[in-house]
Amino acid sequence: VRFNFEVFRTSDGRGWGIRTRENEHIEQGSILFSYAGLILQDSDITDSMDSRYVLNLATKQAKGDASFSIDGKDYRNIASFM
């Protein structure tokens, strides 16, 4: 990890956020972290799932190819607070 991050509760009630602990400059285009979770085919995602942690892996696909998402509800890291 290149930056020293912390998870914090926002003071305006929007929920949780991520920030650097020191006044670090993050250059545009920097890779901060990867999103962790269970990889699912989009066809396996149900309405009963907690969509707050589902990240769609939007890619250009050939017709008939499966599309995927990452469900970060049970297996997640700091990226789920973005």
N, C-alpha and C. Protein backbone atom coordinates (compact mmCIF):
# COMPACT_ATOMS: atom_id res chain seq x y z
N VAL A 1 0.86 -1.18 0.00
CA VAL A 1 0.00 0.00 0.00
C VAL A 1 0.90 1.23 0.00
N ARG A 2 0.66 2.07 -0.95
CA ARG A 2 1.51 3.25 -1.13
C ARG A 2 1.06 4.43 -0.29
N PHE A 3 -0.22 4.50 0.04
CA PHE A 3 -0.76 5.63 0.80
C PHE A 3 -1.24 5.14 2.16
N ASN A 4 -1.25 6.03 3.11
CA ASN A 4 -1.69 5.71 4.46
C ASN A 4 -3.15 6.15 4.61
N PHE A 5 -4.09 5.22 4.38
CA PHE A 5 -5.52 5.54 4.39
C PHE A 5 -6.15 5.28 5.76
N GLU A 6 -7.27 5.95 5.98
CA GLU A 6 -8.10 5.65 7.14
C GLU A 6 -9.56 5.70 6.71
N VAL A 7 -10.36 4.85 7.32
CA VAL A 7 -11.81 4.85 7.12
C VAL A 7 -12.39 5.74 8.21
N PHE A 8 -13.30 6.65 7.83
CA PHE A 8 -13.88 7.57 8.79
C PHE A 8 -15.37 7.73 8.56
N ARG A 9 -16.08 8.11 9.59
CA ARG A 9 -17.51 8.39 9.51
C ARG A 9 -17.68 9.86 9.16
N THR A 10 -18.45 10.16 8.13
CA THR A 10 -18.63 11.55 7.71
C THR A 10 -19.45 12.31 8.74
N SER A 11 -19.15 13.58 8.89
CA SER A 11 -19.85 14.40 9.88
C SER A 11 -21.22 14.87 9.40
N ASP A 12 -21.49 14.76 8.09
CA ASP A 12 -22.76 15.23 7.55
C ASP A 12 -23.79 14.12 7.36
N GLY A 13 -23.51 12.93 7.89
CA GLY A 13 -24.48 11.84 7.86
C GLY A 13 -24.51 11.02 6.58
N ARG A 14 -23.58 11.24 5.66
CA ARG A 14 -23.58 10.47 4.41
C ARG A 14 -23.07 9.06 4.59
N GLY A 15 -22.45 8.76 5.72
CA GLY A 15 -21.95 7.40 5.97
C GLY A 15 -20.46 7.38 6.17
N TRP A 16 -19.80 6.39 5.55
CA TRP A 16 -18.37 6.17 5.72
C TRP A 16 -17.61 6.70 4.51
N GLY A 17 -16.35 7.03 4.72
CA GLY A 17 -15.50 7.51 3.64
C GLY A 17 -14.07 7.05 3.85
N ILE A 18 -13.22 7.37 2.90
CA ILE A 18 -11.80 7.03 2.96
C ILE A 18 -11.02 8.33 2.74
N ARG A 19 -9.94 8.49 3.49
CA ARG A 19 -9.05 9.63 3.29
C ARG A 19 -7.64 9.21 3.68
N THR A 20 -6.67 10.01 3.26
CA THR A 20 -5.30 9.74 3.68
C THR A 20 -5.11 10.30 5.09
N ARG A 21 -4.28 9.65 5.86
CA ARG A 21 -4.04 10.09 7.24
C ARG A 21 -3.24 11.39 7.28
N GLU A 22 -2.26 11.52 6.46
CA GLU A 22 -1.50 12.76 6.38
C GLU A 22 -2.00 13.56 5.19
N ASN A 23 -1.49 14.73 5.04
CA ASN A 23 -1.88 15.57 3.92
C ASN A 23 -1.08 15.15 2.68
N GLU A 24 -1.34 13.94 2.20
CA GLU A 24 -0.62 13.38 1.05
C GLU A 24 -1.29 13.80 -0.25
N HIS A 25 -0.48 14.03 -1.24
CA HIS A 25 -0.99 14.32 -2.58
C HIS A 25 -1.10 13.00 -3.34
N ILE A 26 -2.26 12.73 -3.89
CA ILE A 26 -2.47 11.53 -4.70
C ILE A 26 -2.57 11.99 -6.15
N GLU A 27 -1.65 11.56 -6.98
CA GLU A 27 -1.64 11.96 -8.38
C GLU A 27 -2.82 11.35 -9.13
N GLN A 28 -3.38 12.13 -10.03
CA GLN A 28 -4.48 11.65 -10.85
C GLN A 28 -4.05 10.39 -11.60
N GLY A 29 -4.90 9.39 -11.61
CA GLY A 29 -4.62 8.13 -12.30
C GLY A 29 -3.91 7.10 -11.44
N SER A 30 -3.61 7.45 -10.19
CA SER A 30 -2.94 6.50 -9.30
C SER A 30 -3.86 5.34 -8.96
N ILE A 31 -3.30 4.14 -8.89
CA ILE A 31 -4.06 2.98 -8.42
C ILE A 31 -3.98 3.00 -6.91
N LEU A 32 -5.14 3.05 -6.26
CA LEU A 32 -5.18 3.16 -4.81
C LEU A 32 -5.29 1.81 -4.13
N PHE A 33 -6.19 0.96 -4.61
CA PHE A 33 -6.40 -0.37 -4.07
C PHE A 33 -7.30 -1.13 -5.01
N SER A 34 -7.42 -2.43 -4.80
CA SER A 34 -8.31 -3.24 -5.62
C SER A 34 -9.55 -3.60 -4.80
N TYR A 35 -10.65 -3.83 -5.49
CA TYR A 35 -11.91 -4.18 -4.84
C TYR A 35 -11.93 -5.68 -4.59
N ALA A 36 -12.19 -6.09 -3.37
CA ALA A 36 -12.17 -7.51 -3.01
C ALA A 36 -13.59 -8.02 -2.80
N GLY A 37 -13.81 -9.27 -3.13
CA GLY A 37 -15.11 -9.88 -2.92
C GLY A 37 -15.27 -11.15 -3.73
N LEU A 38 -16.47 -11.67 -3.70
CA LEU A 38 -16.82 -12.89 -4.40
C LEU A 38 -17.21 -12.54 -5.84
N ILE A 39 -16.58 -13.17 -6.82
CA ILE A 39 -16.90 -12.91 -8.22
C ILE A 39 -18.10 -13.75 -8.62
N LEU A 40 -19.11 -13.07 -9.16
CA LEU A 40 -20.36 -13.72 -9.57
C LEU A 40 -20.69 -13.36 -11.01
N GLN A 41 -21.33 -14.29 -11.71
CA GLN A 41 -21.92 -13.93 -13.00
C GLN A 41 -23.13 -13.05 -12.71
N ASP A 42 -23.35 -12.07 -13.54
CA ASP A 42 -24.48 -11.16 -13.31
C ASP A 42 -25.81 -11.91 -13.25
N SER A 43 -25.90 -13.03 -13.94
CA SER A 43 -27.14 -13.81 -13.92
C SER A 43 -27.40 -14.45 -12.55
N ASP A 44 -26.36 -14.52 -11.69
CA ASP A 44 -26.51 -15.10 -10.35
C ASP A 44 -26.88 -14.06 -9.29
N ILE A 45 -26.89 -12.79 -9.66
CA ILE A 45 -27.23 -11.74 -8.70
C ILE A 45 -28.75 -11.65 -8.58
N THR A 46 -29.22 -11.63 -7.34
CA THR A 46 -30.66 -11.59 -7.09
C THR A 46 -31.05 -10.26 -6.45
N ASP A 47 -32.34 -9.94 -6.49
CA ASP A 47 -32.85 -8.70 -5.89
C ASP A 47 -32.69 -8.70 -4.38
N SER A 48 -32.58 -9.88 -3.77
CA SER A 48 -32.46 -9.97 -2.31
C SER A 48 -31.04 -9.66 -1.82
N MET A 49 -30.07 -9.56 -2.74
CA MET A 49 -28.69 -9.27 -2.35
C MET A 49 -28.56 -7.81 -1.96
N ASP A 50 -27.62 -7.52 -1.06
CA ASP A 50 -27.35 -6.15 -0.63
C ASP A 50 -26.52 -5.47 -1.72
N SER A 51 -27.16 -4.67 -2.56
CA SER A 51 -26.49 -4.10 -3.72
C SER A 51 -25.49 -2.99 -3.36
N ARG A 52 -25.41 -2.61 -2.09
CA ARG A 52 -24.44 -1.57 -1.70
C ARG A 52 -23.01 -2.01 -1.95
N TYR A 53 -22.77 -3.31 -1.97
CA TYR A 53 -21.40 -3.82 -2.10
C TYR A 53 -21.15 -4.56 -3.41
N VAL A 54 -22.09 -4.49 -4.36
CA VAL A 54 -21.93 -5.17 -5.64
C VAL A 54 -21.33 -4.20 -6.65
N LEU A 55 -20.17 -4.56 -7.18
CA LEU A 55 -19.48 -3.74 -8.17
C LEU A 55 -19.55 -4.45 -9.51
N ASN A 56 -20.17 -3.81 -10.50
CA ASN A 56 -20.29 -4.40 -11.82
C ASN A 56 -18.99 -4.21 -12.58
N LEU A 57 -18.50 -5.30 -13.16
CA LEU A 57 -17.27 -5.25 -13.96
C LEU A 57 -17.66 -5.01 -15.41
N ALA A 58 -17.97 -3.78 -15.72
CA ALA A 58 -18.44 -3.42 -17.06
C ALA A 58 -17.29 -3.55 -18.05
N THR A 59 -17.43 -4.47 -18.97
CA THR A 59 -16.43 -4.69 -20.01
C THR A 59 -17.13 -4.87 -21.34
N LYS A 60 -16.41 -4.61 -22.41
CA LYS A 60 -16.96 -4.89 -23.73
C LYS A 60 -16.89 -6.39 -23.94
N GLN A 61 -18.02 -6.98 -24.31
CA GLN A 61 -18.08 -8.42 -24.45
C GLN A 61 -18.71 -8.80 -25.79
N ALA A 62 -18.32 -9.96 -26.25
CA ALA A 62 -18.96 -10.50 -27.44
C ALA A 62 -20.36 -10.97 -27.07
N LYS A 63 -21.26 -10.94 -28.01
CA LYS A 63 -22.63 -11.37 -27.75
C LYS A 63 -22.62 -12.80 -27.23
N GLY A 64 -23.32 -13.03 -26.13
CA GLY A 64 -23.39 -14.35 -25.55
C GLY A 64 -22.39 -14.59 -24.43
N ASP A 65 -21.38 -13.73 -24.29
CA ASP A 65 -20.42 -13.87 -23.20
C ASP A 65 -21.07 -13.48 -21.88
N ALA A 66 -20.66 -14.12 -20.82
CA ALA A 66 -21.18 -13.80 -19.49
C ALA A 66 -20.56 -12.50 -19.00
N SER A 67 -21.33 -11.73 -18.21
CA SER A 67 -20.79 -10.55 -17.56
C SER A 67 -20.71 -10.83 -16.07
N PHE A 68 -19.80 -10.15 -15.40
CA PHE A 68 -19.50 -10.46 -14.01
C PHE A 68 -19.58 -9.23 -13.12
N SER A 69 -19.76 -9.50 -11.83
CA SER A 69 -19.73 -8.48 -10.79
C SER A 69 -18.97 -9.04 -9.59
N ILE A 70 -18.57 -8.15 -8.70
CA ILE A 70 -17.92 -8.55 -7.46
C ILE A 70 -18.85 -8.20 -6.31
N ASP A 71 -19.19 -9.19 -5.49
CA ASP A 71 -20.02 -8.97 -4.31
C ASP A 71 -19.10 -8.83 -3.11
N GLY A 72 -18.95 -7.62 -2.60
CA GLY A 72 -18.05 -7.35 -1.50
C GLY A 72 -18.70 -7.38 -0.13
N LYS A 73 -19.90 -7.93 -0.01
CA LYS A 73 -20.60 -7.91 1.28
C LYS A 73 -19.89 -8.74 2.35
N ASP A 74 -19.54 -9.97 2.04
CA ASP A 74 -18.95 -10.86 3.05
C ASP A 74 -17.43 -10.90 3.01
N TYR A 75 -16.85 -10.62 1.85
CA TYR A 75 -15.40 -10.64 1.69
C TYR A 75 -15.01 -9.31 1.10
N ARG A 76 -14.55 -8.39 1.93
CA ARG A 76 -14.26 -7.06 1.40
C ARG A 76 -13.02 -6.47 2.04
N ASN A 77 -12.61 -5.35 1.47
CA ASN A 77 -11.46 -4.62 1.99
C ASN A 77 -11.82 -3.13 2.05
N ILE A 78 -10.86 -2.29 2.19
CA ILE A 78 -11.09 -0.85 2.34
C ILE A 78 -11.83 -0.24 1.15
N ALA A 79 -11.71 -0.84 -0.02
CA ALA A 79 -12.37 -0.30 -1.22
C ALA A 79 -13.88 -0.27 -1.11
N SER A 80 -14.47 -1.09 -0.24
CA SER A 80 -15.94 -1.11 -0.11
C SER A 80 -16.46 0.17 0.53
N PHE A 81 -15.58 1.03 1.05
CA PHE A 81 -16.00 2.29 1.65
C PHE A 81 -15.95 3.45 0.67
N MET A 82 -15.63 3.19 -0.59
CA MET A 82 -15.58 4.25 -1.60
C MET A 82 -16.98 4.74 -1.93
